[in-house]
Amino acid sequence: MSKNLIEVYIHWNQIKSEGGGLIFKALSTNTTLKVFDISWNSIGSGIISIANVVSEFFKTNKSLVHLDMSNNNFTYEETLEISKSLN
């Protein structure tokens, strides 16, 4: 993935947890991303939890201004893990 992406909109693409994890890993090296919309994809509650990958993404990406991860079926535990990394 390009390290110079500024906005990424991939909502409503039927991406599941495995694909979502790969996307977050790929975007972790991007230092210019400001807007990321991965809503309505069911990346949460999969066989493999991607909460740790999302948490790592937040640790490395400091330029993000807007993130939409709504309607992705995250469990309560996944939401807690992700929210801790935002703090």
N, C-alpha and C. Protein backbone atom coordinates (compact mmCIF):
# COMPACT_ATOMS: atom_id res chain seq x y z
N MET A 1 0.83 -1.17 0.00
CA MET A 1 0.00 0.00 0.00
C MET A 1 0.88 1.24 0.00
N SER A 2 0.39 2.28 -0.57
CA SER A 2 1.14 3.53 -0.64
C SER A 2 1.33 4.14 0.74
N LYS A 3 2.51 4.65 0.97
CA LYS A 3 2.78 5.32 2.24
C LYS A 3 2.32 6.76 2.21
N ASN A 4 1.77 7.22 1.09
CA ASN A 4 1.34 8.60 0.94
C ASN A 4 -0.16 8.78 0.85
N LEU A 5 -0.93 7.77 1.20
CA LEU A 5 -2.38 7.89 1.17
C LEU A 5 -2.84 8.90 2.22
N ILE A 6 -3.79 9.73 1.83
CA ILE A 6 -4.33 10.72 2.76
C ILE A 6 -5.74 10.32 3.21
N GLU A 7 -6.53 9.76 2.29
CA GLU A 7 -7.89 9.33 2.60
C GLU A 7 -8.13 7.94 2.01
N VAL A 8 -8.79 7.08 2.80
CA VAL A 8 -9.15 5.73 2.34
C VAL A 8 -10.61 5.49 2.73
N TYR A 9 -11.43 5.18 1.73
CA TYR A 9 -12.85 4.88 1.94
C TYR A 9 -13.13 3.47 1.43
N ILE A 10 -13.32 2.53 2.33
CA ILE A 10 -13.60 1.15 1.92
C ILE A 10 -14.82 0.60 2.67
N HIS A 11 -15.80 1.45 2.90
CA HIS A 11 -17.02 1.02 3.58
C HIS A 11 -17.90 0.18 2.66
N TRP A 12 -18.73 -0.66 3.27
CA TRP A 12 -19.69 -1.52 2.56
C TRP A 12 -19.01 -2.43 1.51
N ASN A 13 -17.95 -3.12 1.90
CA ASN A 13 -17.25 -4.01 0.98
C ASN A 13 -17.22 -5.47 1.43
N GLN A 14 -17.97 -5.81 2.45
CA GLN A 14 -18.03 -7.18 2.96
C GLN A 14 -16.66 -7.72 3.37
N ILE A 15 -15.82 -6.83 3.89
CA ILE A 15 -14.52 -7.24 4.41
C ILE A 15 -14.75 -7.87 5.77
N LYS A 16 -14.18 -9.01 6.01
CA LYS A 16 -14.34 -9.70 7.30
C LYS A 16 -13.09 -9.47 8.15
N SER A 17 -12.99 -10.16 9.28
CA SER A 17 -11.91 -9.90 10.23
C SER A 17 -10.52 -10.14 9.66
N GLU A 18 -10.32 -11.21 8.93
CA GLU A 18 -8.99 -11.49 8.38
C GLU A 18 -8.55 -10.40 7.41
N GLY A 19 -9.42 -10.02 6.49
CA GLY A 19 -9.11 -8.96 5.54
C GLY A 19 -8.91 -7.61 6.23
N GLY A 20 -9.73 -7.34 7.22
CA GLY A 20 -9.60 -6.10 7.97
C GLY A 20 -8.26 -6.02 8.68
N GLY A 21 -7.83 -7.15 9.25
CA GLY A 21 -6.53 -7.19 9.91
C GLY A 21 -5.39 -6.89 8.95
N LEU A 22 -5.48 -7.46 7.76
CA LEU A 22 -4.44 -7.22 6.75
C LEU A 22 -4.42 -5.76 6.31
N ILE A 23 -5.59 -5.16 6.19
CA ILE A 23 -5.66 -3.75 5.80
C ILE A 23 -5.05 -2.86 6.88
N PHE A 24 -5.40 -3.11 8.15
CA PHE A 24 -4.84 -2.31 9.23
C PHE A 24 -3.33 -2.48 9.32
N LYS A 25 -2.83 -3.70 9.11
CA LYS A 25 -1.37 -3.93 9.11
C LYS A 25 -0.70 -3.16 7.98
N ALA A 26 -1.30 -3.19 6.80
CA ALA A 26 -0.73 -2.49 5.65
C ALA A 26 -0.71 -0.98 5.87
N LEU A 27 -1.75 -0.46 6.49
CA LEU A 27 -1.83 0.98 6.71
C LEU A 27 -1.00 1.46 7.89
N SER A 28 -0.49 0.54 8.69
CA SER A 28 0.31 0.91 9.85
C SER A 28 1.58 1.66 9.47
N THR A 29 2.08 1.41 8.29
CA THR A 29 3.31 2.09 7.86
C THR A 29 3.03 3.45 7.24
N ASN A 30 1.77 3.79 7.05
CA ASN A 30 1.40 5.06 6.44
C ASN A 30 1.46 6.17 7.49
N THR A 31 2.20 7.21 7.21
CA THR A 31 2.33 8.32 8.16
C THR A 31 1.55 9.56 7.75
N THR A 32 0.81 9.48 6.64
CA THR A 32 0.08 10.64 6.15
C THR A 32 -1.43 10.46 6.15
N LEU A 33 -1.92 9.28 6.53
CA LEU A 33 -3.35 8.99 6.49
C LEU A 33 -4.10 9.88 7.47
N LYS A 34 -5.10 10.60 6.96
CA LYS A 34 -5.90 11.50 7.78
C LYS A 34 -7.34 11.01 7.96
N VAL A 35 -7.91 10.36 6.93
CA VAL A 35 -9.29 9.90 6.96
C VAL A 35 -9.33 8.43 6.55
N PHE A 36 -9.98 7.62 7.39
CA PHE A 36 -10.09 6.19 7.10
C PHE A 36 -11.50 5.73 7.45
N ASP A 37 -12.24 5.26 6.45
CA ASP A 37 -13.61 4.78 6.64
C ASP A 37 -13.66 3.31 6.26
N ILE A 38 -13.78 2.45 7.27
CA ILE A 38 -13.89 1.01 7.06
C ILE A 38 -15.20 0.51 7.70
N SER A 39 -16.21 1.38 7.72
CA SER A 39 -17.49 1.05 8.34
C SER A 39 -18.28 0.02 7.53
N TRP A 40 -19.22 -0.63 8.23
CA TRP A 40 -20.14 -1.59 7.62
C TRP A 40 -19.43 -2.74 6.90
N ASN A 41 -18.45 -3.35 7.55
CA ASN A 41 -17.69 -4.44 6.93
C ASN A 41 -17.62 -5.71 7.77
N SER A 42 -18.12 -5.72 8.99
CA SER A 42 -18.08 -6.91 9.86
C SER A 42 -16.65 -7.39 10.14
N ILE A 43 -15.75 -6.44 10.40
CA ILE A 43 -14.38 -6.84 10.71
C ILE A 43 -14.23 -7.30 12.16
N GLY A 44 -15.21 -7.01 13.00
CA GLY A 44 -15.19 -7.48 14.38
C GLY A 44 -15.87 -8.82 14.51
N SER A 45 -15.74 -9.42 15.68
CA SER A 45 -16.42 -10.67 16.01
C SER A 45 -16.11 -11.82 15.06
N GLY A 46 -14.95 -11.83 14.50
CA GLY A 46 -14.57 -12.93 13.62
C GLY A 46 -13.96 -14.07 14.41
N ILE A 47 -13.58 -15.10 13.71
CA ILE A 47 -12.91 -16.23 14.35
C ILE A 47 -11.60 -15.75 14.98
N ILE A 48 -10.94 -14.83 14.29
CA ILE A 48 -9.70 -14.22 14.79
C ILE A 48 -10.01 -12.77 15.14
N SER A 49 -9.76 -12.37 16.39
CA SER A 49 -9.97 -10.99 16.78
C SER A 49 -8.87 -10.11 16.20
N ILE A 50 -9.25 -8.99 15.63
CA ILE A 50 -8.26 -8.08 15.07
C ILE A 50 -8.05 -6.86 15.98
N ALA A 51 -8.59 -6.90 17.18
CA ALA A 51 -8.47 -5.77 18.10
C ALA A 51 -7.01 -5.42 18.35
N ASN A 52 -6.14 -6.41 18.47
CA ASN A 52 -4.73 -6.13 18.71
C ASN A 52 -4.08 -5.47 17.51
N VAL A 53 -4.48 -5.84 16.30
CA VAL A 53 -3.94 -5.22 15.08
C VAL A 53 -4.41 -3.77 14.98
N VAL A 54 -5.67 -3.52 15.31
CA VAL A 54 -6.21 -2.16 15.30
C VAL A 54 -5.48 -1.32 16.36
N SER A 55 -5.23 -1.90 17.51
CA SER A 55 -4.52 -1.20 18.58
C SER A 55 -3.11 -0.83 18.14
N GLU A 56 -2.41 -1.72 17.47
CA GLU A 56 -1.07 -1.43 16.96
C GLU A 56 -1.12 -0.31 15.91
N PHE A 57 -2.15 -0.32 15.09
CA PHE A 57 -2.34 0.74 14.10
C PHE A 57 -2.40 2.11 14.77
N PHE A 58 -3.14 2.21 15.88
CA PHE A 58 -3.27 3.48 16.59
C PHE A 58 -1.95 3.92 17.21
N LYS A 59 -1.12 2.98 17.60
CA LYS A 59 0.17 3.31 18.21
C LYS A 59 1.12 3.91 17.18
N THR A 60 1.01 3.48 15.93
CA THR A 60 1.97 3.94 14.91
C THR A 60 1.44 5.12 14.09
N ASN A 61 0.13 5.24 13.94
CA ASN A 61 -0.43 6.31 13.11
C ASN A 61 -0.85 7.47 13.99
N LYS A 62 -0.13 8.57 13.89
CA LYS A 62 -0.43 9.76 14.69
C LYS A 62 -1.06 10.88 13.88
N SER A 63 -1.26 10.67 12.58
CA SER A 63 -1.80 11.72 11.72
C SER A 63 -3.31 11.60 11.48
N LEU A 64 -3.92 10.50 11.92
CA LEU A 64 -5.33 10.24 11.66
C LEU A 64 -6.21 11.27 12.37
N VAL A 65 -7.15 11.85 11.61
CA VAL A 65 -8.06 12.85 12.13
C VAL A 65 -9.48 12.29 12.23
N HIS A 66 -9.86 11.44 11.28
CA HIS A 66 -11.21 10.88 11.25
C HIS A 66 -11.14 9.39 10.95
N LEU A 67 -11.77 8.59 11.80
CA LEU A 67 -11.84 7.14 11.62
C LEU A 67 -13.28 6.70 11.82
N ASP A 68 -13.83 5.98 10.84
CA ASP A 68 -15.18 5.44 10.98
C ASP A 68 -15.09 3.92 10.93
N MET A 69 -15.30 3.30 12.09
CA MET A 69 -15.33 1.84 12.19
C MET A 69 -16.71 1.37 12.66
N SER A 70 -17.72 2.17 12.39
CA SER A 70 -19.06 1.85 12.86
C SER A 70 -19.63 0.62 12.16
N ASN A 71 -20.53 -0.04 12.85
CA ASN A 71 -21.25 -1.21 12.32
C ASN A 71 -20.31 -2.30 11.80
N ASN A 72 -19.38 -2.71 12.67
CA ASN A 72 -18.45 -3.77 12.33
C ASN A 72 -18.54 -4.96 13.28
N ASN A 73 -19.57 -4.98 14.13
CA ASN A 73 -19.84 -6.12 15.01
C ASN A 73 -18.69 -6.44 15.97
N PHE A 74 -18.03 -5.42 16.50
CA PHE A 74 -17.01 -5.68 17.51
C PHE A 74 -17.67 -6.14 18.80
N THR A 75 -17.03 -7.08 19.48
CA THR A 75 -17.54 -7.51 20.78
C THR A 75 -17.19 -6.44 21.82
N TYR A 76 -17.77 -6.56 22.97
CA TYR A 76 -17.48 -5.64 24.06
C TYR A 76 -15.99 -5.69 24.40
N GLU A 77 -15.42 -6.88 24.47
CA GLU A 77 -14.00 -7.05 24.80
C GLU A 77 -13.10 -6.43 23.74
N GLU A 78 -13.46 -6.59 22.46
CA GLU A 78 -12.68 -5.98 21.39
C GLU A 78 -12.73 -4.46 21.49
N THR A 79 -13.92 -3.94 21.78
CA THR A 79 -14.10 -2.50 21.92
C THR A 79 -13.25 -1.95 23.07
N LEU A 80 -13.20 -2.68 24.19
CA LEU A 80 -12.37 -2.25 25.32
C LEU A 80 -10.90 -2.20 24.94
N GLU A 81 -10.41 -3.24 24.26
CA GLU A 81 -9.01 -3.28 23.86
C GLU A 81 -8.66 -2.13 22.92
N ILE A 82 -9.54 -1.89 21.96
CA ILE A 82 -9.30 -0.80 21.01
C ILE A 82 -9.34 0.55 21.71
N SER A 83 -10.29 0.75 22.61
CA SER A 83 -10.42 2.04 23.29
C SER A 83 -9.21 2.32 24.20
N LYS A 84 -8.62 1.28 24.79
CA LYS A 84 -7.41 1.48 25.61
C LYS A 84 -6.26 2.00 24.75
N SER A 85 -6.17 1.54 23.54
CA SER A 85 -5.06 2.00 22.68
C SER A 85 -5.27 3.44 22.22
N LEU A 86 -6.50 3.90 22.21
CA LEU A 86 -6.78 5.30 21.85
C LEU A 86 -6.36 6.26 22.94
N ASN A 87 -6.36 5.80 24.16
CA ASN A 87 -5.95 6.66 25.28
C ASN A 87 -4.46 6.87 25.23
